[in-house]
Amino acid sequence: MATTAPRTAGTRTPSAPPPGIRPDRTRLPRAFYWMVLPAVVLFLVFHTIPVLQGVFFSFTDSPGYGEWSFVGVDNYVALFTDPRVIAAYGFTFRFAFLATILVNAFALAVAIGLNARIKFKNTLRGIYFIPNVLSVLVIGYVFQYLFSGAVPTIATALGIDRLSTSILADPQLAWVGILILAVWQATAFNIIIYLAGLQTVPVELYEASSLDGASSWRQFRSITFPMIAGFFTINMVLALKTFLQVFDHIIALTNGGPGTSTESVGVLIYRGGFQGGEYGYQLANAVVFMIVIIAFAAFQLRVLQRREVSA
């Protein structure tokens, strides 16, 4: 027997709009537009317009002040024959690739340890995250003191002649000090991302593999890494992009020296553009470097995503 639901007094049921009249669905989208509009305006004013202005001046010989004139693509052509620019790109890419590999290796190892059933796990997670909240410049000056004072003193006492002087004053070793600071500071953030990924791996998979006699290495290779492949991709892309733009670490430790042995592309653009009267020329360098970073990030993301699918 069919029954009908009782209607409560004072309540209204939604009625269909009359034929030929479309329901008003614009009120909610408009609210979203008004919420997004301030961010779009701020992005255009403080990001897009300055970028377009920089691209415009990259076709000029502007020193950053006074008169200027158009030089066409002369700045871009000169970049590819400038030995200082080529050396800066070489240093930046060698540093970025090595730092990206080391940061991800250390971060993954520490994250696996912090995800295990150990005592004081939460306390250790907090301690390992501290480097990420500290200013790079402040920590850079602390590391400068260590490399210039404490390390040579200890090395002299131990009879290690190679480290008896500051490595920051050695053109062959100065980059090592920058690398140590960058890896120490950046590992903390990657640990957090890997920890988030490790906590999404079902514990039942490890229990089942243990019953089958799988070793720890086999569990990592067949379960852990494939399950956190997406987090690995994020960390690799973010780390490479960050290290390609290395600047603060160099300013704090060597300021690009000795000579120009640790001069990255970012430091070269800053020095030449704001201190060397090469405003237009270094803007062309910045435009090329921006395109290179975007291309590398897109290529890296595509390759690693294919690996996720095949894993």
C-alpha atoms as a PDB file:
ATOM      1  CA  MET A   1       0.000   0.000   0.000  1.00  0.00           C
ATOM      2  CA  ALA A   2       1.468   3.281  -1.053  1.00  0.00           C
ATOM      3  CA  THR A   3       1.933   5.964   1.619  1.00  0.00           C
ATOM      4  CA  THR A   4       2.632   9.676   1.369  1.00  0.00           C
ATOM      5  CA  ALA A   5       4.842  11.634   3.708  1.00  0.00           C
ATOM      6  CA  PRO A   6       2.920  14.040   5.971  1.00  0.00           C
ATOM      7  CA  ARG A   7       3.510  17.689   5.219  1.00  0.00           C
ATOM      8  CA  THR A   8       4.536  19.834   8.149  1.00  0.00           C
ATOM      9  CA  ALA A   9       2.646  23.080   8.604  1.00  0.00           C
ATOM     10  CA  GLY A  10       4.680  26.155   7.821  1.00  0.00           C
ATOM     11  CA  THR A  11       7.222  24.400   5.579  1.00  0.00           C
ATOM     12  CA  ARG A  12       7.586  24.848   1.845  1.00  0.00           C
ATOM     13  CA  THR A  13       8.808  22.349  -0.655  1.00  0.00           C
ATOM     14  CA  PRO A  14      10.995  23.631  -3.496  1.00  0.00           C
ATOM     15  CA  SER A  15       8.968  24.039  -6.610  1.00  0.00           C
ATOM     16  CA  ALA A  16      10.185  23.740 -10.167  1.00  0.00           C
ATOM     17  CA  PRO A  17      10.580  27.040 -12.055  1.00  0.00           C
ATOM     18  CA  PRO A  18       7.944  27.862 -14.642  1.00  0.00           C
ATOM     19  CA  PRO A  19       8.558  26.523 -18.140  1.00  0.00           C
ATOM     20  CA  GLY A  20      10.903  28.729 -20.184  1.00  0.00           C
ATOM     21  CA  ILE A  21      12.599  30.260 -17.122  1.00  0.00           C
ATOM     22  CA  ARG A  22      16.046  28.972 -16.142  1.00  0.00           C
ATOM     23  CA  PRO A  23      16.874  28.618 -12.436  1.00  0.00           C
ATOM     24  CA  ASP A  24      19.145  31.313 -10.975  1.00  0.00           C
ATOM     25  CA  ARG A  25      22.483  29.584 -10.613  1.00  0.00           C
ATOM     26  CA  THR A  26      24.674  32.692 -10.767  1.00  0.00           C
ATOM     27  CA  ARG A  27      24.589  33.725  -7.111  1.00  0.00           C
ATOM     28  CA  LEU A  28      27.086  31.127  -5.783  1.00  0.00           C
ATOM     29  CA  PRO A  29      29.624  31.431  -8.651  1.00  0.00           C
ATOM     30  CA  ARG A  30      29.617  35.217  -8.237  1.00  0.00           C
ATOM     31  CA  ALA A  31      30.530  34.796  -4.590  1.00  0.00           C
ATOM     32  CA  PHE A  32      33.493  32.675  -5.591  1.00  0.00           C
ATOM     33  CA  TYR A  33      34.572  35.265  -8.135  1.00  0.00           C
ATOM     34  CA  TRP A  34      34.528  38.032  -5.500  1.00  0.00           C
ATOM     35  CA  MET A  35      36.598  35.834  -3.174  1.00  0.00           C
ATOM     36  CA  VAL A  36      39.219  35.160  -5.846  1.00  0.00           C
ATOM     37  CA  LEU A  37      39.325  38.666  -7.314  1.00  0.00           C
ATOM     38  CA  PRO A  38      41.622  40.289  -4.667  1.00  0.00           C
ATOM     39  CA  ALA A  39      44.214  37.558  -5.095  1.00  0.00           C
ATOM     40  CA  VAL A  40      44.088  37.909  -8.896  1.00  0.00           C
ATOM     41  CA  VAL A  41      44.520  41.700  -8.682  1.00  0.00           C
ATOM     42  CA  LEU A  42      47.447  41.408  -6.259  1.00  0.00           C
ATOM     43  CA  PHE A  43      49.065  38.741  -8.452  1.00  0.00           C
ATOM     44  CA  LEU A  44      48.766  40.928 -11.537  1.00  0.00           C
ATOM     45  CA  VAL A  45      50.044  44.080  -9.797  1.00  0.00           C
ATOM     46  CA  PHE A  46      52.966  42.574  -7.879  1.00  0.00           C
ATOM     47  CA  HIS A  47      53.938  39.677 -10.155  1.00  0.00           C
ATOM     48  CA  THR A  48      52.680  39.714 -13.724  1.00  0.00           C
ATOM     49  CA  ILE A  49      53.181  43.425 -14.464  1.00  0.00           C
ATOM     50  CA  PRO A  50      56.763  43.498 -13.049  1.00  0.00           C
ATOM     51  CA  VAL A  51      57.596  40.370 -15.068  1.00  0.00           C
ATOM     52  CA  LEU A  52      56.271  41.949 -18.266  1.00  0.00           C
ATOM     53  CA  GLN A  53      58.171  45.140 -17.447  1.00  0.00           C
ATOM     54  CA  GLY A  54      61.344  43.093 -16.941  1.00  0.00           C
ATOM     55  CA  VAL A  55      60.867  41.353 -20.297  1.00  0.00           C
ATOM     56  CA  PHE A  56      60.426  44.766 -21.927  1.00  0.00           C
ATOM     57  CA  PHE A  57      63.659  46.181 -20.457  1.00  0.00           C
ATOM     58  CA  SER A  58      65.567  43.010 -21.423  1.00  0.00           C
ATOM     59  CA  PHE A  59      65.507  44.371 -24.978  1.00  0.00           C
ATOM     60  CA  THR A  60      67.194  47.616 -23.901  1.00  0.00           C
ATOM     61  CA  ASP A  61      70.628  48.732 -22.718  1.00  0.00           C
ATOM     62  CA  SER A  62      69.174  50.280 -19.553  1.00  0.00           C
ATOM     63  CA  PRO A  63      71.646  50.512 -16.645  1.00  0.00           C
ATOM     64  CA  GLY A  64      68.694  50.707 -14.234  1.00  0.00           C
ATOM     65  CA  TYR A  65      68.452  54.486 -14.282  1.00  0.00           C
ATOM     66  CA  GLY A  66      68.610  57.403 -16.701  1.00  0.00           C
ATOM     67  CA  GLU A  67      68.297  57.088 -20.453  1.00  0.00           C
ATOM     68  CA  TRP A  68      68.115  53.862 -22.396  1.00  0.00           C
ATOM     69  CA  SER A  69      67.567  52.658 -25.945  1.00  0.00           C
ATOM     70  CA  PHE A  70      66.387  49.495 -27.649  1.00  0.00           C
ATOM     71  CA  VAL A  71      69.051  46.977 -28.629  1.00  0.00           C
ATOM     72  CA  GLY A  72      66.783  44.239 -29.960  1.00  0.00           C
ATOM     73  CA  VAL A  73      68.004  40.724 -29.149  1.00  0.00           C
ATOM     74  CA  ASP A  74      71.641  41.787 -28.664  1.00  0.00           C
ATOM     75  CA  ASN A  75      71.469  41.060 -24.921  1.00  0.00           C
ATOM     76  CA  TYR A  76      70.203  37.529 -25.555  1.00  0.00           C
ATOM     77  CA  VAL A  77      72.868  36.832 -28.181  1.00  0.00           C
ATOM     78  CA  ALA A  78      75.628  38.128 -25.903  1.00  0.00           C
ATOM     79  CA  LEU A  79      74.537  35.792 -23.080  1.00  0.00           C
ATOM     80  CA  PHE A  80      75.572  32.698 -25.019  1.00  0.00           C
ATOM     81  CA  THR A  81      79.111  33.981 -25.555  1.00  0.00           C
ATOM     82  CA  ASP A  82      79.706  35.445 -22.092  1.00  0.00           C
ATOM     83  CA  PRO A  83      82.119  33.123 -20.167  1.00  0.00           C
ATOM     84  CA  ARG A  84      80.951  34.487 -16.808  1.00  0.00           C
ATOM     85  CA  VAL A  85      77.323  33.611 -17.598  1.00  0.00           C
ATOM     86  CA  ILE A  86      78.272  30.147 -18.841  1.00  0.00           C
ATOM     87  CA  ALA A  87      80.339  29.515 -15.686  1.00  0.00           C
ATOM     88  CA  ALA A  88      77.436  30.641 -13.477  1.00  0.00           C
ATOM     89  CA  TYR A  89      75.039  28.264 -15.249  1.00  0.00           C
ATOM     90  CA  GLY A  90      77.537  25.411 -14.902  1.00  0.00           C
ATOM     91  CA  PHE A  91      77.989  25.985 -11.182  1.00  0.00           C
ATOM     92  CA  THR A  92      74.249  26.382 -10.593  1.00  0.00           C
ATOM     93  CA  PHE A  93      73.276  23.151 -12.348  1.00  0.00           C
ATOM     94  CA  ARG A  94      76.047  21.066 -10.758  1.00  0.00           C
ATOM     95  CA  PHE A  95      75.086  22.386  -7.336  1.00  0.00           C
ATOM     96  CA  ALA A  96      71.334  21.923  -7.907  1.00  0.00           C
ATOM     97  CA  PHE A  97      71.558  18.333  -9.149  1.00  0.00           C
ATOM     98  CA  LEU A  98      73.873  17.215  -6.349  1.00  0.00           C
ATOM     99  CA  ALA A  99      71.894  19.008  -3.632  1.00  0.00           C
ATOM    100  CA  THR A 100      68.594  17.582  -4.912  1.00  0.00           C
ATOM    101  CA  ILE A 101      69.910  14.014  -4.785  1.00  0.00           C
ATOM    102  CA  LEU A 102      71.469  14.402  -1.322  1.00  0.00           C
ATOM    103  CA  VAL A 103      68.448  16.133   0.207  1.00  0.00           C
ATOM    104  CA  ASN A 104      66.027  13.476  -1.007  1.00  0.00           C
ATOM    105  CA  ALA A 105      68.296  10.612   0.040  1.00  0.00           C
ATOM    106  CA  PHE A 106      68.783  11.975   3.571  1.00  0.00           C
ATOM    107  CA  ALA A 107      65.157  13.055   3.951  1.00  0.00           C
ATOM    108  CA  LEU A 108      63.776   9.673   2.898  1.00  0.00           C
ATOM    109  CA  ALA A 109      66.147   7.789   5.209  1.00  0.00           C
ATOM    110  CA  VAL A 110      65.319   9.999   8.203  1.00  0.00           C
ATOM    111  CA  ALA A 111      61.583   9.895   7.445  1.00  0.00           C
ATOM    112  CA  ILE A 112      61.585   6.084   7.398  1.00  0.00           C
ATOM    113  CA  GLY A 113      63.356   6.108  10.762  1.00  0.00           C
ATOM    114  CA  LEU A 114      60.927   8.612  12.246  1.00  0.00           C
ATOM    115  CA  ASN A 115      57.973   6.597  10.936  1.00  0.00           C
ATOM    116  CA  ALA A 116      59.115   3.460  12.770  1.00  0.00           C
ATOM    117  CA  ARG A 117      57.999   2.454  16.250  1.00  0.00           C
ATOM    118  CA  ILE A 118      60.705   4.300  18.194  1.00  0.00           C
ATOM    119  CA  LYS A 119      60.651   6.210  21.461  1.00  0.00           C
ATOM    120  CA  PHE A 120      60.315  10.007  21.472  1.00  0.00           C
ATOM    121  CA  LYS A 121      59.125   9.867  17.863  1.00  0.00           C
ATOM    122  CA  ASN A 122      57.098  13.079  18.014  1.00  0.00           C
ATOM    123  CA  THR A 123      59.889  14.946  19.835  1.00  0.00           C
ATOM    124  CA  LEU A 124      62.440  13.902  17.228  1.00  0.00           C
ATOM    125  CA  ARG A 125      60.095  14.996  14.429  1.00  0.00           C
ATOM    126  CA  GLY A 126      59.932  18.460  15.992  1.00  0.00           C
ATOM    127  CA  ILE A 127      63.706  18.648  16.375  1.00  0.00           C
ATOM    128  CA  TYR A 128      64.332  17.612  12.787  1.00  0.00           C
ATOM    129  CA  PHE A 129      61.914  20.297  11.555  1.00  0.00           C
ATOM    130  CA  ILE A 130      63.712  23.169  13.336  1.00  0.00           C
ATOM    131  CA  PRO A 131      66.151  23.964  10.455  1.00  0.00           C
ATOM    132  CA  ASN A 132      63.206  24.695   8.174  1.00  0.00           C
ATOM    133  CA  VAL A 133      61.894  27.539  10.374  1.00  0.00           C
ATOM    134  CA  LEU A 134      65.268  29.251  10.767  1.00  0.00           C
ATOM    135  CA  SER A 135      66.411  32.043   8.484  1.00  0.00           C
ATOM    136  CA  VAL A 136      68.934  30.882   5.886  1.00  0.00           C
ATOM    137  CA  LEU A 137      70.963  34.079   6.290  1.00  0.00           C
ATOM    138  CA  VAL A 138      71.192  33.722  10.075  1.00  0.00           C
ATOM    139  CA  ILE A 139      72.166  30.058   9.897  1.00  0.00           C
ATOM    140  CA  GLY A 140      74.524  30.897   7.050  1.00  0.00           C
ATOM    141  CA  TYR A 141      76.524  33.224   9.259  1.00  0.00           C
ATOM    142  CA  VAL A 142      76.666  30.515  11.953  1.00  0.00           C
ATOM    143  CA  PHE A 143      78.016  28.036   9.397  1.00  0.00           C
ATOM    144  CA  GLN A 144      80.488  30.681   8.194  1.00  0.00           C
ATOM    145  CA  TYR A 145      81.849  30.904  11.736  1.00  0.00           C
ATOM    146  CA  LEU A 146      82.124  27.102  11.925  1.00  0.00           C
ATOM    147  CA  PHE A 147      83.888  26.717   8.572  1.00  0.00           C
ATOM    148  CA  SER A 148      86.220  29.675   9.200  1.00  0.00           C
ATOM    149  CA  GLY A 149      86.999  29.095  12.872  1.00  0.00           C
ATOM    150  CA  ALA A 150      85.917  25.865  14.542  1.00  0.00           C
ATOM    151  CA  VAL A 151      86.611  23.418  11.707  1.00  0.00           C
ATOM    152  CA  PRO A 152      90.175  24.680  10.954  1.00  0.00           C
ATOM    153  CA  THR A 153      90.983  24.628  14.676  1.00  0.00           C
ATOM    154  CA  ILE A 154      89.812  21.018  15.070  1.00  0.00           C
ATOM    155  CA  ALA A 155      91.503  19.969  11.815  1.00  0.00           C
ATOM    156  CA  THR A 156      94.795  21.531  12.910  1.00  0.00           C
ATOM    157  CA  ALA A 157      94.611  19.696  16.231  1.00  0.00           C
ATOM    158  CA  LEU A 158      93.961  16.412  14.403  1.00  0.00           C
ATOM    159  CA  GLY A 159      96.730  17.038  11.873  1.00  0.00           C
ATOM    160  CA  ILE A 160      94.437  17.304   8.822  1.00  0.00           C
ATOM    161  CA  ASP A 161      96.287  19.865   6.718  1.00  0.00           C
ATOM    162  CA  ARG A 162      93.645  20.037   3.935  1.00  0.00           C
ATOM    163  CA  LEU A 163      91.095  21.487   6.384  1.00  0.00           C
ATOM    164  CA  SER A 164      93.482  23.559   8.516  1.00  0.00           C
ATOM    165  CA  THR A 165      92.305  26.690   6.681  1.00  0.00           C
ATOM    166  CA  SER A 166      88.772  27.817   5.900  1.00  0.00           C
ATOM    167  CA  ILE A 167      87.244  25.881   3.021  1.00  0.00           C
ATOM    168  CA  LEU A 168      85.263  29.027   2.160  1.00  0.00           C
ATOM    169  CA  ALA A 169      88.543  30.686   1.114  1.00  0.00           C
ATOM    170  CA  ASP A 170      89.474  27.766  -1.151  1.00  0.00           C
ATOM    171  CA  PRO A 171      88.081  28.092  -4.722  1.00  0.00           C
ATOM    172  CA  GLN A 172      88.057  24.277  -5.027  1.00  0.00           C
ATOM    173  CA  LEU A 173      86.187  23.586  -1.759  1.00  0.00           C
ATOM    174  CA  ALA A 174      84.013  26.656  -1.125  1.00  0.00           C
ATOM    175  CA  TRP A 175      81.057  25.055  -2.899  1.00  0.00           C
ATOM    176  CA  VAL A 176      81.179  22.146  -0.423  1.00  0.00           C
ATOM    177  CA  GLY A 177      80.401  24.497   2.464  1.00  0.00           C
ATOM    178  CA  ILE A 178      77.424  25.928   0.565  1.00  0.00           C
ATOM    179  CA  LEU A 179      76.226  22.415  -0.249  1.00  0.00           C
ATOM    180  CA  ILE A 180      76.400  21.319   3.403  1.00  0.00           C
ATOM    181  CA  LEU A 181      74.362  24.328   4.533  1.00  0.00           C
ATOM    182  CA  ALA A 182      71.773  23.894   1.765  1.00  0.00           C
ATOM    183  CA  VAL A 183      71.281  20.165   2.394  1.00  0.00           C
ATOM    184  CA  TRP A 184      71.091  20.624   6.190  1.00  0.00           C
ATOM    185  CA  GLN A 185      68.479  23.372   5.900  1.00  0.00           C
ATOM    186  CA  ALA A 186      66.338  21.852   3.126  1.00  0.00           C
ATOM    187  CA  THR A 187      66.168  18.272   4.384  1.00  0.00           C
ATOM    188  CA  ALA A 188      63.685  19.214   7.128  1.00  0.00           C
ATOM    189  CA  PHE A 189      60.912  20.208   4.712  1.00  0.00           C
ATOM    190  CA  ASN A 190      61.356  17.081   2.595  1.00  0.00           C
ATOM    191  CA  ILE A 191      61.202  14.902   5.727  1.00  0.00           C
ATOM    192  CA  ILE A 192      57.728  16.257   6.469  1.00  0.00           C
ATOM    193  CA  ILE A 193      56.480  15.434   2.964  1.00  0.00           C
ATOM    194  CA  TYR A 194      57.942  11.928   3.066  1.00  0.00           C
ATOM    195  CA  LEU A 195      56.438  11.340   6.526  1.00  0.00           C
ATOM    196  CA  ALA A 196      53.023  12.316   5.157  1.00  0.00           C
ATOM    197  CA  GLY A 197      53.484   9.817   2.358  1.00  0.00           C
ATOM    198  CA  LEU A 198      54.692   6.994   4.615  1.00  0.00           C
ATOM    199  CA  GLN A 199      51.616   7.325   6.818  1.00  0.00           C
ATOM    200  CA  THR A 200      49.382   6.568   3.812  1.00  0.00           C
ATOM    201  CA  VAL A 201      50.942   3.113   3.348  1.00  0.00           C
ATOM    202  CA  PRO A 202      48.620   0.454   4.865  1.00  0.00           C
ATOM    203  CA  VAL A 203      50.258  -1.470   7.717  1.00  0.00           C
ATOM    204  CA  GLU A 204      48.545  -4.654   6.485  1.00  0.00           C
ATOM    205  CA  LEU A 205      50.861  -4.712   3.457  1.00  0.00           C
ATOM    206  CA  TYR A 206      53.924  -4.919   5.712  1.00  0.00           C
ATOM    207  CA  GLU A 207      52.319  -7.569   7.899  1.00  0.00           C
ATOM    208  CA  ALA A 208      51.425  -9.721   4.888  1.00  0.00           C
ATOM    209  CA  SER A 209      54.903  -9.359   3.361  1.00  0.00           C
ATOM    210  CA  SER A 210      56.509 -10.275   6.698  1.00  0.00           C
ATOM    211  CA  LEU A 211      54.487 -13.488   6.762  1.00  0.00           C
ATOM    212  CA  ASP A 212      55.847 -14.223   3.280  1.00  0.00           C
ATOM    213  CA  GLY A 213      59.397 -13.732   4.551  1.00  0.00           C
ATOM    214  CA  ALA A 214      60.158 -10.457   2.737  1.00  0.00           C
ATOM    215  CA  SER A 215      63.260  -8.635   3.985  1.00  0.00           C
ATOM    216  CA  SER A 216      63.251  -4.942   4.949  1.00  0.00           C
ATOM    217  CA  TRP A 217      64.931  -3.979   1.682  1.00  0.00           C
ATOM    218  CA  ARG A 218      62.374  -5.985  -0.324  1.00  0.00           C
ATOM    219  CA  GLN A 219      59.539  -4.278   1.573  1.00  0.00           C
ATOM    220  CA  PHE A 220      61.018  -0.863   0.793  1.00  0.00           C
ATOM    221  CA  ARG A 221      61.560  -1.687  -2.879  1.00  0.00           C
ATOM    222  CA  SER A 222      58.218  -3.395  -3.502  1.00  0.00           C
ATOM    223  CA  ILE A 223      55.867  -1.615  -1.092  1.00  0.00           C
ATOM    224  CA  THR A 224      57.172   1.598   0.437  1.00  0.00           C
ATOM    225  CA  PHE A 225      58.749   3.341  -2.528  1.00  0.00           C
ATOM    226  CA  PRO A 226      55.990   2.549  -5.081  1.00  0.00           C
ATOM    227  CA  MET A 227      53.354   3.720  -2.578  1.00  0.00           C
ATOM    228  CA  ILE A 228      55.081   7.065  -1.960  1.00  0.00           C
ATOM    229  CA  ALA A 229      56.187   7.635  -5.569  1.00  0.00           C
ATOM    230  CA  GLY A 230      53.927  10.674  -5.845  1.00  0.00           C
ATOM    231  CA  PHE A 231      55.542  12.285  -2.800  1.00  0.00           C
ATOM    232  CA  PHE A 232      58.979  11.490  -4.255  1.00  0.00           C
ATOM    233  CA  THR A 233      58.007  13.327  -7.446  1.00  0.00           C
ATOM    234  CA  ILE A 234      56.860  16.403  -5.491  1.00  0.00           C
ATOM    235  CA  ASN A 235      60.060  16.503  -3.456  1.00  0.00           C
ATOM    236  CA  MET A 236      62.328  16.104  -6.476  1.00  0.00           C
ATOM    237  CA  VAL A 237      60.616  18.857  -8.466  1.00  0.00           C
ATOM    238  CA  LEU A 238      60.447  21.309  -5.549  1.00  0.00           C
ATOM    239  CA  ALA A 239      64.031  20.637  -4.468  1.00  0.00           C
ATOM    240  CA  LEU A 240      65.492  21.093  -7.956  1.00  0.00           C
ATOM    241  CA  LYS A 241      63.540  24.307  -8.507  1.00  0.00           C
ATOM    242  CA  THR A 242      64.654  25.657  -5.135  1.00  0.00           C
ATOM    243  CA  PHE A 243      68.328  24.827  -5.598  1.00  0.00           C
ATOM    244  CA  LEU A 244      68.424  26.244  -9.123  1.00  0.00           C
ATOM    245  CA  GLN A 245      67.487  29.558  -7.492  1.00  0.00           C
ATOM    246  CA  VAL A 246      70.144  29.286  -4.754  1.00  0.00           C
ATOM    247  CA  PHE A 247      71.027  32.765  -3.497  1.00  0.00           C
ATOM    248  CA  ASP A 248      70.832  33.278   0.288  1.00  0.00           C
ATOM    249  CA  HIS A 249      73.244  30.441   1.080  1.00  0.00           C
ATOM    250  CA  ILE A 250      75.905  31.909  -1.200  1.00  0.00           C
ATOM    251  CA  ILE A 251      75.469  35.483   0.023  1.00  0.00           C
ATOM    252  CA  ALA A 252      75.796  34.351   3.647  1.00  0.00           C
ATOM    253  CA  LEU A 253      78.859  32.138   3.153  1.00  0.00           C
ATOM    254  CA  THR A 254      80.998  33.335   0.237  1.00  0.00           C
ATOM    255  CA  ASN A 255      79.169  36.180  -1.532  1.00  0.00           C
ATOM    256  CA  GLY A 256      80.010  34.371  -4.762  1.00  0.00           C
ATOM    257  CA  GLY A 257      83.747  34.030  -4.060  1.00  0.00           C
ATOM    258  CA  PRO A 258      86.564  33.366  -3.893  1.00  0.00           C
ATOM    259  CA  GLY A 259      86.617  35.288  -7.161  1.00  0.00           C
ATOM    260  CA  THR A 260      83.549  34.002  -8.987  1.00  0.00           C
ATOM    261  CA  SER A 261      83.997  30.308  -8.104  1.00  0.00           C
ATOM    262  CA  THR A 262      80.628  30.066  -6.285  1.00  0.00           C
ATOM    263  CA  GLU A 263      78.676  32.583  -8.309  1.00  0.00           C
ATOM    264  CA  SER A 264      75.245  31.171  -9.176  1.00  0.00           C
ATOM    265  CA  VAL A 265      72.939  32.570 -11.838  1.00  0.00           C
ATOM    266  CA  GLY A 266      70.853  34.296  -9.157  1.00  0.00           C
ATOM    267  CA  VAL A 267      73.901  35.959  -7.613  1.00  0.00           C
ATOM    268  CA  LEU A 268      75.174  37.004 -11.055  1.00  0.00           C
ATOM    269  CA  ILE A 269      71.831  38.600 -11.945  1.00  0.00           C
ATOM    270  CA  TYR A 270      71.780  40.475  -8.625  1.00  0.00           C
ATOM    271  CA  ARG A 271      75.364  41.676  -8.863  1.00  0.00           C
ATOM    272  CA  GLY A 272      75.290  42.660 -12.520  1.00  0.00           C
ATOM    273  CA  GLY A 273      71.799  44.092 -12.498  1.00  0.00           C
ATOM    274  CA  PHE A 274      71.849  46.112  -9.286  1.00  0.00           C
ATOM    275  CA  GLN A 275      75.562  46.764  -8.726  1.00  0.00           C
ATOM    276  CA  GLY A 276      77.194  46.506 -12.144  1.00  0.00           C
ATOM    277  CA  GLY A 277      74.994  48.755 -14.318  1.00  0.00           C
ATOM    278  CA  GLU A 278      73.864  45.768 -16.461  1.00  0.00           C
ATOM    279  CA  TYR A 279      70.172  46.089 -15.714  1.00  0.00           C
ATOM    280  CA  GLY A 280      68.890  45.329 -19.226  1.00  0.00           C
ATOM    281  CA  TYR A 281      71.516  42.644 -19.877  1.00  0.00           C
ATOM    282  CA  GLN A 282      70.852  40.782 -16.626  1.00  0.00           C
ATOM    283  CA  LEU A 283      67.104  41.041 -17.192  1.00  0.00           C
ATOM    284  CA  ALA A 284      67.664  39.119 -20.423  1.00  0.00           C
ATOM    285  CA  ASN A 285      69.642  36.617 -18.360  1.00  0.00           C
ATOM    286  CA  ALA A 286      66.735  36.383 -15.887  1.00  0.00           C
ATOM    287  CA  VAL A 287      64.213  35.766 -18.675  1.00  0.00           C
ATOM    288  CA  VAL A 288      66.343  32.957 -20.126  1.00  0.00           C
ATOM    289  CA  PHE A 289      66.856  31.449 -16.675  1.00  0.00           C
ATOM    290  CA  MET A 290      63.105  31.551 -15.967  1.00  0.00           C
ATOM    291  CA  ILE A 291      62.415  29.653 -19.197  1.00  0.00           C
ATOM    292  CA  VAL A 292      65.128  27.108 -18.334  1.00  0.00           C
ATOM    293  CA  ILE A 293      63.654  26.464 -14.857  1.00  0.00           C
ATOM    294  CA  ILE A 294      60.133  26.034 -16.259  1.00  0.00           C
ATOM    295  CA  ALA A 295      61.413  23.638 -18.934  1.00  0.00           C
ATOM    296  CA  PHE A 296      63.382  21.564 -16.415  1.00  0.00           C
ATOM    297  CA  ALA A 297      60.453  21.383 -13.996  1.00  0.00           C
ATOM    298  CA  ALA A 298      58.057  20.290 -16.753  1.00  0.00           C
ATOM    299  CA  PHE A 299      60.504  17.673 -18.071  1.00  0.00           C
ATOM    300  CA  GLN A 300      61.255  16.346 -14.584  1.00  0.00           C
ATOM    301  CA  LEU A 301      57.566  16.161 -13.693  1.00  0.00           C
ATOM    302  CA  ARG A 302      56.739  14.291 -16.901  1.00  0.00           C
ATOM    303  CA  VAL A 303      59.533  11.748 -16.469  1.00  0.00           C
ATOM    304  CA  LEU A 304      58.789  11.069 -12.800  1.00  0.00           C
ATOM    305  CA  GLN A 305      55.042  10.772 -13.392  1.00  0.00           C
ATOM    306  CA  ARG A 306      55.706   8.107 -16.032  1.00  0.00           C
ATOM    307  CA  ARG A 307      57.800   6.281 -13.464  1.00  0.00           C
ATOM    308  CA  GLU A 308      54.890   6.455 -10.983  1.00  0.00           C
ATOM    309  CA  VAL A 309      52.615   4.762 -13.526  1.00  0.00           C
ATOM    310  CA  SER A 310      55.123   1.992 -14.240  1.00  0.00           C
ATOM    311  CA  ALA A 311      55.976   1.426 -10.525  1.00  0.00           C
END
